[in-house]
PDB file of N, CA and C in Angstrom:
ATOM      1  N   MET A   1     161.952  89.434 116.474  1.00  0.00           N
ATOM      2  CA  MET A   1     161.214  90.005 115.370  1.00  0.00           C
ATOM      3  C   MET A   1     159.787  90.302 115.815  1.00  0.00           C
ATOM      4  N   ARG A   2     159.283  91.371 115.350  1.00  0.00           N
ATOM      5  CA  ARG A   2     157.958  91.841 115.744  1.00  0.00           C
ATOM      6  C   ARG A   2     156.869  91.256 114.831  1.00  0.00           C
ATOM      7  N   PRO A   3     155.780  90.756 115.410  1.00  0.00           N
ATOM      8  CA  PRO A   3     154.701  90.214 114.581  1.00  0.00           C
ATOM      9  C   PRO A   3     154.094  91.304 113.684  1.00  0.00           C
ATOM     10  N   SER A   4     153.738  90.925 112.472  1.00  0.00           N
ATOM     11  CA  SER A   4     153.187  91.895 111.517  1.00  0.00           C
ATOM     12  C   SER A   4     151.843  92.448 111.972  1.00  0.00           C
ATOM     13  N   ILE A   5     151.116  91.712 112.789  1.00  0.00           N
ATOM     14  CA  ILE A   5     149.808  92.188 113.261  1.00  0.00           C
ATOM     15  C   ILE A   5     149.960  93.458 114.095  1.00  0.00           C
ATOM     16  N   MET A   6     151.116  93.646 114.717  1.00  0.00           N
ATOM     17  CA  MET A   6     151.331  94.827 115.556  1.00  0.00           C
ATOM     18  C   MET A   6     151.288  96.111 114.730  1.00  0.00           C
ATOM     19  N   GLU A   7     151.750  96.057 113.491  1.00  0.00           N
ATOM     20  CA  GLU A   7     151.675  97.233 112.612  1.00  0.00           C
ATOM     21  C   GLU A   7     150.214  97.585 112.341  1.00  0.00           C
ATOM     22  N   GLU A   8     149.396  96.572 112.141  1.00  0.00           N
ATOM     23  CA  GLU A   8     147.969  96.809 111.912  1.00  0.00           C
ATOM     24  C   GLU A   8     147.309  97.399 113.162  1.00  0.00           C
ATOM     25  N   VAL A   9     147.656  96.890 114.326  1.00  0.00           N
ATOM     26  CA  VAL A   9     147.105  97.392 115.584  1.00  0.00           C
ATOM     27  C   VAL A   9     147.497  98.852 115.789  1.00  0.00           C
ATOM     28  N   GLU A  10     148.748  99.190 115.522  1.00  0.00           N
ATOM     29  CA  GLU A  10     149.198 100.575 115.669  1.00  0.00           C
ATOM     30  C   GLU A  10     148.477 101.503 114.699  1.00  0.00           C
ATOM     31  N   GLY A  11     148.208 101.029 113.486  1.00  0.00           N
ATOM     32  CA  GLY A  11     147.454 101.825 112.522  1.00  0.00           C
ATOM     33  C   GLY A  11     146.037 102.082 113.006  1.00  0.00           C
ATOM     34  N   LEU A  12     145.415 101.072 113.603  1.00  0.00           N
ATOM     35  CA  LEU A  12     144.060 101.228 114.132  1.00  0.00           C
ATOM     36  C   LEU A  12     144.039 102.193 115.303  1.00  0.00           C
ATOM     37  N   ARG A  13     145.091 102.205 116.092  1.00  0.00           N
ATOM     38  CA  ARG A  13     145.170 103.121 117.223  1.00  0.00           C
ATOM     39  C   ARG A  13     145.092 104.570 116.737  1.00  0.00           C
ATOM     40  N   GLY A  14     145.784 104.882 115.658  1.00  0.00           N
ATOM     41  CA  GLY A  14     145.737 106.224 115.089  1.00  0.00           C
ATOM     42  C   GLY A  14     144.364 106.576 114.538  1.00  0.00           C
ATOM     43  N   ILE A  15     143.748 105.631 113.863  1.00  0.00           N
ATOM     44  CA  ILE A  15     142.403 105.837 113.308  1.00  0.00           C
ATOM     45  C   ILE A  15     141.409 106.057 114.442  1.00  0.00           C
ATOM     46  N   ASN A  16     141.524 105.277 115.499  1.00  0.00           N
ATOM     47  CA  ASN A  16     140.612 105.417 116.642  1.00  0.00           C
ATOM     48  C   ASN A  16     140.744 106.782 117.293  1.00  0.00           C
ATOM     49  N   SER A  17     141.951 107.302 117.371  1.00  0.00           N
ATOM     50  CA  SER A  17     142.157 108.632 117.955  1.00  0.00           C
ATOM     51  C   SER A  17     141.410 109.692 117.163  1.00  0.00           C
ATOM     52  N   VAL A  18     141.457 109.589 115.849  1.00  0.00           N
ATOM     53  CA  VAL A  18     140.748 110.541 114.990  1.00  0.00           C
ATOM     54  C   VAL A  18     139.240 110.392 115.167  1.00  0.00           C
ATOM     55  N   LYS A  19     138.748 109.159 115.216  1.00  0.00           N
ATOM     56  CA  LYS A  19     137.308 108.912 115.376  1.00  0.00           C
ATOM     57  C   LYS A  19     136.803 109.447 116.713  1.00  0.00           C
ATOM     58  N   ILE A  20     137.580 109.275 117.778  1.00  0.00           N
ATOM     59  CA  ILE A  20     137.198 109.786 119.093  1.00  0.00           C
ATOM     60  C   ILE A  20     137.133 111.305 119.063  1.00  0.00           C
ATOM     61  N   LYS A  21     138.118 111.941 118.443  1.00  0.00           N
ATOM     62  CA  LYS A  21     138.132 113.406 118.351  1.00  0.00           C
ATOM     63  C   LYS A  21     136.913 113.897 117.574  1.00  0.00           C
ATOM     64  N   GLU A  22     136.595 113.245 116.472  1.00  0.00           N
ATOM     65  CA  GLU A  22     135.426 113.630 115.672  1.00  0.00           C
ATOM     66  C   GLU A  22     134.133 113.470 116.477  1.00  0.00           C
ATOM     67  N   ALA A  23     134.022 112.398 117.226  1.00  0.00           N
ATOM     68  CA  ALA A  23     132.827 112.169 118.037  1.00  0.00           C
ATOM     69  C   ALA A  23     132.695 113.248 119.104  1.00  0.00           C
ATOM     70  N   HIS A  24     133.801 113.595 119.741  1.00  0.00           N
ATOM     71  CA  HIS A  24     133.786 114.639 120.770  1.00  0.00           C
ATOM     72  C   HIS A  24     133.373 115.989 120.164  1.00  0.00           C
ATOM     73  N   GLU A  25     133.925 116.314 119.009  1.00  0.00           N
ATOM     74  CA  GLU A  25     133.580 117.576 118.349  1.00  0.00           C
ATOM     75  C   GLU A  25     132.118 117.609 117.909  1.00  0.00           C
ATOM     76  N   ALA A  26     131.534 116.442 117.680  1.00  0.00           N
ATOM     77  CA  ALA A  26     130.128 116.345 117.292  1.00  0.00           C
ATOM     78  C   ALA A  26     129.197 116.361 118.508  1.00  0.00           C
ATOM     79  N   GLY A  27     129.782 116.498 119.723  1.00  0.00           N
ATOM     80  CA  GLY A  27     128.963 116.596 120.928  1.00  0.00           C
ATOM     81  C   GLY A  27     128.812 115.316 121.719  1.00  0.00           C
ATOM     82  N   LYS A  28     129.445 114.223 121.280  1.00  0.00           N
ATOM     83  CA  LYS A  28     129.376 112.962 122.020  1.00  0.00           C
ATOM     84  C   LYS A  28     130.273 113.055 123.255  1.00  0.00           C
ATOM     85  N   LYS A  29     129.818 112.509 124.376  1.00  0.00           N
ATOM     86  CA  LYS A  29     130.620 112.498 125.599  1.00  0.00           C
ATOM     87  C   LYS A  29     131.723 111.443 125.475  1.00  0.00           C
ATOM     88  N   VAL A  30     132.922 111.801 125.906  1.00  0.00           N
ATOM     89  CA  VAL A  30     134.063 110.893 125.900  1.00  0.00           C
ATOM     90  C   VAL A  30     134.632 110.842 127.313  1.00  0.00           C
ATOM     91  N   VAL A  31     134.829 109.631 127.824  1.00  0.00           N
ATOM     92  CA  VAL A  31     135.309 109.439 129.187  1.00  0.00           C
ATOM     93  C   VAL A  31     136.594 108.624 129.156  1.00  0.00           C
ATOM     94  N   GLY A  32     137.666 109.166 129.759  1.00  0.00           N
ATOM     95  CA  GLY A  32     138.906 108.419 129.900  1.00  0.00           C
ATOM     96  C   GLY A  32     138.816 107.539 131.130  1.00  0.00           C
ATOM     97  N   MET A  33     139.142 106.251 130.964  1.00  0.00           N
ATOM     98  CA  MET A  33     139.009 105.307 132.072  1.00  0.00           C
ATOM     99  C   MET A  33     140.248 104.430 132.182  1.00  0.00           C
ATOM    100  N   TYR A  34     140.645 104.137 133.420  1.00  0.00           N
ATOM    101  CA  TYR A  34     141.692 103.153 133.653  1.00  0.00           C
ATOM    102  C   TYR A  34     141.026 101.788 133.651  1.00  0.00           C
ATOM    103  N   CYS A  35     141.426 100.949 132.737  1.00  0.00           N
ATOM    104  CA  CYS A  35     140.701  99.709 132.445  1.00  0.00           C
ATOM    105  C   CYS A  35     140.517  98.780 133.645  1.00  0.00           C
ATOM    106  N   THR A  36     141.477  98.691 134.522  1.00  0.00           N
ATOM    107  CA  THR A  36     141.327  97.754 135.638  1.00  0.00           C
ATOM    108  C   THR A  36     140.532  98.318 136.799  1.00  0.00           C
ATOM    109  N   PHE A  37     140.291  99.614 136.801  1.00  0.00           N
ATOM    110  CA  PHE A  37     139.616 100.236 137.933  1.00  0.00           C
ATOM    111  C   PHE A  37     138.190 100.696 137.638  1.00  0.00           C
ATOM    112  N   SER A  38     137.812 100.835 136.397  1.00  0.00           N
ATOM    113  CA  SER A  38     136.510 101.412 136.053  1.00  0.00           C
ATOM    114  C   SER A  38     135.730 100.497 135.112  1.00  0.00           C
ATOM    115  N   PRO A  39     134.548 100.096 135.507  1.00  0.00           N
ATOM    116  CA  PRO A  39     133.729  99.284 134.599  1.00  0.00           C
ATOM    117  C   PRO A  39     133.200 100.129 133.440  1.00  0.00           C
ATOM    118  N   GLN A  40     133.272  99.602 132.234  1.00  0.00           N
ATOM    119  CA  GLN A  40     132.800 100.317 131.047  1.00  0.00           C
ATOM    120  C   GLN A  40     131.305 100.600 131.096  1.00  0.00           C
ATOM    121  N   GLU A  41     130.572  99.842 131.863  1.00  0.00           N
ATOM    122  CA  GLU A  41     129.126 100.049 131.963  1.00  0.00           C
ATOM    123  C   GLU A  41     128.783 101.445 132.475  1.00  0.00           C
ATOM    124  N   ILE A  42     129.656 102.037 133.273  1.00  0.00           N
ATOM    125  CA  ILE A  42     129.415 103.396 133.780  1.00  0.00           C
ATOM    126  C   ILE A  42     129.376 104.376 132.610  1.00  0.00           C
ATOM    127  N   ALA A  43     130.347 104.286 131.712  1.00  0.00           N
ATOM    128  CA  ALA A  43     130.373 105.166 130.540  1.00  0.00           C
ATOM    129  C   ALA A  43     129.186 104.884 129.630  1.00  0.00           C
ATOM    130  N   LEU A  44     128.879 103.617 129.431  1.00  0.00           N
ATOM    131  CA  LEU A  44     127.747 103.252 128.574  1.00  0.00           C
ATOM    132  C   LEU A  44     126.433 103.789 129.143  1.00  0.00           C
ATOM    133  N   ALA A  45     126.270 103.724 130.463  1.00  0.00           N
ATOM    134  CA  ALA A  45     125.050 104.232 131.094  1.00  0.00           C
ATOM    135  C   ALA A  45     124.927 105.738 130.925  1.00  0.00           C
ATOM    136  N   ALA A  46     126.064 106.425 130.789  1.00  0.00           N
ATOM    137  CA  ALA A  46     126.063 107.878 130.593  1.00  0.00           C
ATOM    138  C   ALA A  46     126.012 108.248 129.114  1.00  0.00           C
ATOM    139  N   ASP A  47     125.814 107.258 128.252  1.00  0.00           N
ATOM    140  CA  ASP A  47     125.794 107.454 126.798  1.00  0.00           C
ATOM    141  C   ASP A  47     127.092 108.111 126.330  1.00  0.00           C
ATOM    142  N   ALA A  48     128.213 107.586 126.832  1.00  0.00           N
ATOM    143  CA  ALA A  48     129.532 108.123 126.496  1.00  0.00           C
ATOM    144  C   ALA A  48     130.393 107.034 125.865  1.00  0.00           C
ATOM    145  N   ILE A  49     131.433 107.481 125.208  1.00  0.00           N
ATOM    146  CA  ILE A  49     132.432 106.576 124.652  1.00  0.00           C
ATOM    147  C   ILE A  49     133.541 106.460 125.691  1.00  0.00           C
ATOM    148  N   SER A  50     133.913 105.227 126.047  1.00  0.00           N
ATOM    149  CA  SER A  50     135.011 105.065 127.000  1.00  0.00           C
ATOM    150  C   SER A  50     136.318 104.888 126.234  1.00  0.00           C
ATOM    151  N   VAL A  51     137.333 105.582 126.696  1.00  0.00           N
ATOM    152  CA  VAL A  51     138.658 105.512 126.103  1.00  0.00           C
ATOM    153  C   VAL A  51     139.612 105.053 127.186  1.00  0.00           C
ATOM    154  N   THR A  52     140.342 103.991 126.910  1.00  0.00           N
ATOM    155  CA  THR A  52     141.248 103.469 127.924  1.00  0.00           C
ATOM    156  C   THR A  52     142.466 104.374 128.080  1.00  0.00           C
ATOM    157  N   LEU A  53     142.869 104.580 129.307  1.00  0.00           N
ATOM    158  CA  LEU A  53     144.040 105.385 129.611  1.00  0.00           C
ATOM    159  C   LEU A  53     145.223 104.500 130.002  1.00  0.00           C
ATOM    160  N   CYS A  54     145.023 103.196 129.920  1.00  0.00           N
ATOM    161  CA  CYS A  54     146.072 102.250 130.283  1.00  0.00           C
ATOM    162  C   CYS A  54     147.162 102.241 129.220  1.00  0.00           C
ATOM    163  N   GLY A  55     148.392 101.994 129.663  1.00  0.00           N
ATOM    164  CA  GLY A  55     149.508 101.866 128.738  1.00  0.00           C
ATOM    165  C   GLY A  55     149.490 100.506 128.069  1.00  0.00           C
ATOM    166  N   THR A  56     150.452 100.278 127.214  1.00  0.00           N
ATOM    167  CA  THR A  56     150.509  98.997 126.511  1.00  0.00           C
ATOM    168  C   THR A  56     151.393  97.984 127.218  1.00  0.00           C
ATOM    169  N   ALA A  57     152.171  98.417 128.211  1.00  0.00           N
ATOM    170  CA  ALA A  57     153.055  97.503 128.926  1.00  0.00           C
ATOM    171  C   ALA A  57     152.571  97.335 130.362  1.00  0.00           C
ATOM    172  N   GLN A  58     152.589  96.119 130.852  1.00  0.00           N
ATOM    173  CA  GLN A  58     152.162  95.839 132.220  1.00  0.00           C
ATOM    174  C   GLN A  58     153.316  96.000 133.203  1.00  0.00           C
ATOM    175  N   ALA A  59     154.546  95.870 132.723  1.00  0.00           N
ATOM    176  CA  ALA A  59     155.710  95.947 133.601  1.00  0.00           C
ATOM    177  C   ALA A  59     156.003  97.382 133.975  1.00  0.00           C
ATOM    178  N   GLN A  60     156.451  97.571 135.203  1.00  0.00           N
ATOM    179  CA  GLN A  60     156.809  98.901 135.681  1.00  0.00           C
ATOM    180  C   GLN A  60     158.263  99.174 135.353  1.00  0.00           C
ATOM    181  N   LYS A  61     158.550 100.349 134.800  1.00  0.00           N
ATOM    182  CA  LYS A  61     159.921 100.702 134.443  1.00  0.00           C
ATOM    183  C   LYS A  61     160.650 101.254 135.666  1.00  0.00           C
ATOM    184  N   ARG A  62     161.892 100.905 135.803  1.00  0.00           N
ATOM    185  CA  ARG A  62     162.718 101.429 136.901  1.00  0.00           C
ATOM    186  C   ARG A  62     163.813 102.285 136.295  1.00  0.00           C
ATOM    187  N   SER A  63     164.087 103.400 136.943  1.00  0.00           N
ATOM    188  CA  SER A  63     165.148 104.282 136.428  1.00  0.00           C
ATOM    189  C   SER A  63     166.450 104.079 137.148  1.00  0.00           C
TER     190      SER A  63
END
């Protein structure tokens, strides 16, 4: 059974996508970053919003 908090997290993910799009359209810089490879301080120093490009699963899928 899936924890109920996951539904709330998924709802926030959608809201965040809209907020990021609005910020970009308003002229704010948006930077996509891979969380384990890029320190967020780089985006902050550039006065940008960092958006993680990492997936939600750590395991690698095999076909």
